[in-house]
């Protein structure tokens, strides 16, 4: 996985955590769910990139 992709995925994951936290703090279920979805999407992207890296070796 390229360094740029790692940074982008980690940034997306952290953004999701922030959204989730703000959603919890403000009792906004939609924002909290979006945050969790962002985190999940980021983790899936990371897993796909790791599989690609494994096949390159």
N, C-alpha and C. Protein backbone atom coordinates (compact mmCIF):
# COMPACT_ATOMS: atom_id res chain seq x y z
N UNK A 1 0.85 -1.16 0.00
CA UNK A 1 0.00 0.00 0.00
C UNK A 1 0.90 1.23 0.00
N UNK A 2 0.58 2.15 -0.85
CA UNK A 2 1.34 3.38 -0.93
C UNK A 2 1.15 4.19 0.35
N UNK A 3 2.19 4.93 0.67
CA UNK A 3 2.14 5.74 1.89
C UNK A 3 0.97 6.72 1.85
N UNK A 4 0.73 7.31 0.69
CA UNK A 4 -0.39 8.25 0.55
C UNK A 4 -1.73 7.59 0.89
N UNK A 5 -1.90 6.35 0.43
CA UNK A 5 -3.14 5.62 0.72
C UNK A 5 -3.28 5.34 2.21
N UNK A 6 -2.16 4.98 2.85
CA UNK A 6 -2.20 4.71 4.29
C UNK A 6 -2.62 5.96 5.06
N UNK A 7 -2.04 7.09 4.68
CA UNK A 7 -2.36 8.34 5.36
C UNK A 7 -3.82 8.71 5.14
N UNK A 8 -4.28 8.57 3.90
CA UNK A 8 -5.66 8.91 3.58
C UNK A 8 -6.64 8.02 4.34
N UNK A 9 -6.36 6.72 4.37
CA UNK A 9 -7.24 5.79 5.08
C UNK A 9 -7.26 6.06 6.59
N UNK A 10 -6.09 6.34 7.15
CA UNK A 10 -6.02 6.62 8.58
C UNK A 10 -6.74 7.92 8.90
N UNK A 11 -6.60 8.90 8.01
CA UNK A 11 -7.29 10.17 8.19
C UNK A 11 -8.81 9.98 8.16
N UNK A 12 -9.26 9.16 7.24
CA UNK A 12 -10.69 8.88 7.14
C UNK A 12 -11.18 8.16 8.41
N UNK A 13 -10.37 7.25 8.90
CA UNK A 13 -10.75 6.52 10.11
C UNK A 13 -10.84 7.47 11.31
N UNK A 14 -9.86 8.36 11.45
CA UNK A 14 -9.88 9.32 12.55
C UNK A 14 -11.05 10.29 12.43
N UNK A 15 -11.34 10.70 11.21
CA UNK A 15 -12.49 11.57 10.98
C UNK A 15 -13.78 10.89 11.41
N UNK A 16 -13.87 9.59 11.14
CA UNK A 16 -15.03 8.81 11.54
C UNK A 16 -15.16 8.74 13.05
N UNK A 17 -14.02 8.61 13.73
CA UNK A 17 -14.05 8.57 15.19
C UNK A 17 -14.52 9.90 15.76
N UNK A 18 -14.08 10.98 15.14
CA UNK A 18 -14.51 12.31 15.59
C UNK A 18 -16.01 12.46 15.38
N UNK A 19 -16.49 12.08 14.19
CA UNK A 19 -17.92 12.17 13.91
C UNK A 19 -18.73 11.36 14.92
N UNK A 20 -18.25 10.15 15.18
CA UNK A 20 -18.95 9.29 16.13
C UNK A 20 -18.99 9.94 17.51
N UNK A 21 -17.87 10.49 17.94
CA UNK A 21 -17.80 11.13 19.26
C UNK A 21 -18.71 12.34 19.36
N UNK A 22 -18.72 13.16 18.30
CA UNK A 22 -19.59 14.33 18.30
C UNK A 22 -21.05 13.88 18.30
N UNK A 23 -21.34 12.83 17.55
CA UNK A 23 -22.71 12.31 17.52
C UNK A 23 -23.17 11.82 18.88
N UNK A 24 -22.27 11.14 19.59
CA UNK A 24 -22.61 10.67 20.94
C UNK A 24 -22.80 11.85 21.88
N UNK A 25 -21.90 12.83 21.79
CA UNK A 25 -21.95 13.97 22.70
C UNK A 25 -23.20 14.82 22.50
N UNK A 26 -23.66 14.90 21.25
CA UNK A 26 -24.82 15.74 20.95
C UNK A 26 -26.10 14.92 20.83
N UNK A 27 -26.00 13.65 21.11
CA UNK A 27 -27.14 12.73 21.00
C UNK A 27 -27.72 12.73 19.59
N UNK A 28 -26.81 12.78 18.59
CA UNK A 28 -27.21 12.79 17.19
C UNK A 28 -26.90 11.39 16.62
N UNK A 29 -27.90 10.55 16.56
CA UNK A 29 -27.71 9.16 16.14
C UNK A 29 -27.24 9.06 14.69
N UNK A 30 -27.72 9.96 13.83
CA UNK A 30 -27.34 9.93 12.42
C UNK A 30 -25.84 10.21 12.27
N UNK A 31 -25.34 11.22 12.96
CA UNK A 31 -23.92 11.57 12.89
C UNK A 31 -23.07 10.46 13.48
N UNK A 32 -23.52 9.88 14.54
CA UNK A 32 -22.80 8.76 15.17
C UNK A 32 -22.72 7.58 14.20
N UNK A 33 -23.81 7.28 13.52
CA UNK A 33 -23.83 6.18 12.55
C UNK A 33 -22.92 6.47 11.37
N UNK A 34 -22.92 7.73 10.91
CA UNK A 34 -22.03 8.10 9.81
C UNK A 34 -20.57 7.90 10.21
N UNK A 35 -20.24 8.26 11.43
CA UNK A 35 -18.88 8.09 11.93
C UNK A 35 -18.47 6.63 11.94
N UNK A 36 -19.35 5.79 12.41
CA UNK A 36 -19.06 4.35 12.44
C UNK A 36 -18.91 3.81 11.02
N UNK A 37 -19.75 4.29 10.10
CA UNK A 37 -19.67 3.84 8.71
C UNK A 37 -18.36 4.29 8.07
N UNK A 38 -17.93 5.51 8.35
CA UNK A 38 -16.65 6.01 7.83
C UNK A 38 -15.49 5.14 8.32
N UNK A 39 -15.54 4.78 9.58
CA UNK A 39 -14.49 3.95 10.15
C UNK A 39 -14.46 2.57 9.49
N UNK A 40 -15.63 2.00 9.29
CA UNK A 40 -15.72 0.68 8.67
C UNK A 40 -15.21 0.72 7.24
N UNK A 41 -15.61 1.75 6.51
CA UNK A 41 -15.16 1.90 5.12
C UNK A 41 -13.65 2.02 5.05
N UNK A 42 -13.08 2.77 5.95
CA UNK A 42 -11.64 2.95 5.98
C UNK A 42 -10.92 1.63 6.27
N UNK A 43 -11.46 0.87 7.20
CA UNK A 43 -10.84 -0.42 7.55
C UNK A 43 -10.93 -1.40 6.39
N UNK A 44 -12.02 -1.36 5.65
CA UNK A 44 -12.16 -2.23 4.48
C UNK A 44 -11.14 -1.85 3.42
N UNK A 45 -10.98 -0.55 3.19
CA UNK A 45 -9.98 -0.08 2.21
C UNK A 45 -8.58 -0.53 2.61
N UNK A 46 -8.29 -0.44 3.91
CA UNK A 46 -6.98 -0.85 4.39
C UNK A 46 -6.77 -2.35 4.15
N UNK A 47 -7.79 -3.14 4.39
CA UNK A 47 -7.69 -4.58 4.20
C UNK A 47 -7.47 -4.92 2.73
N UNK A 48 -8.19 -4.23 1.84
CA UNK A 48 -8.03 -4.46 0.40
C UNK A 48 -6.61 -4.11 -0.04
N UNK A 49 -6.10 -3.00 0.45
CA UNK A 49 -4.73 -2.60 0.10
C UNK A 49 -3.72 -3.61 0.63
N UNK A 50 -3.95 -4.15 1.81
CA UNK A 50 -3.04 -5.16 2.37
C UNK A 50 -3.05 -6.43 1.52
N UNK A 51 -4.20 -6.81 1.02
CA UNK A 51 -4.28 -7.99 0.15
C UNK A 51 -3.53 -7.72 -1.15
N UNK A 52 -3.70 -6.52 -1.70
CA UNK A 52 -2.98 -6.17 -2.93
C UNK A 52 -1.47 -6.25 -2.70
N UNK A 53 -1.02 -5.72 -1.55
CA UNK A 53 0.40 -5.76 -1.22
C UNK A 53 0.90 -7.19 -1.09
N UNK A 54 0.10 -8.06 -0.54
CA UNK A 54 0.50 -9.46 -0.37
C UNK A 54 0.72 -10.13 -1.72
N UNK A 55 -0.09 -9.80 -2.70
CA UNK A 55 0.04 -10.41 -4.02
C UNK A 55 1.18 -9.82 -4.83
N UNK A 56 1.61 -8.63 -4.48
CA UNK A 56 2.74 -8.00 -5.17
C UNK A 56 4.05 -8.65 -4.78
N UNK A 57 4.10 -9.21 -3.59
CA UNK A 57 5.34 -9.80 -3.09
C UNK A 57 5.64 -11.13 -3.68
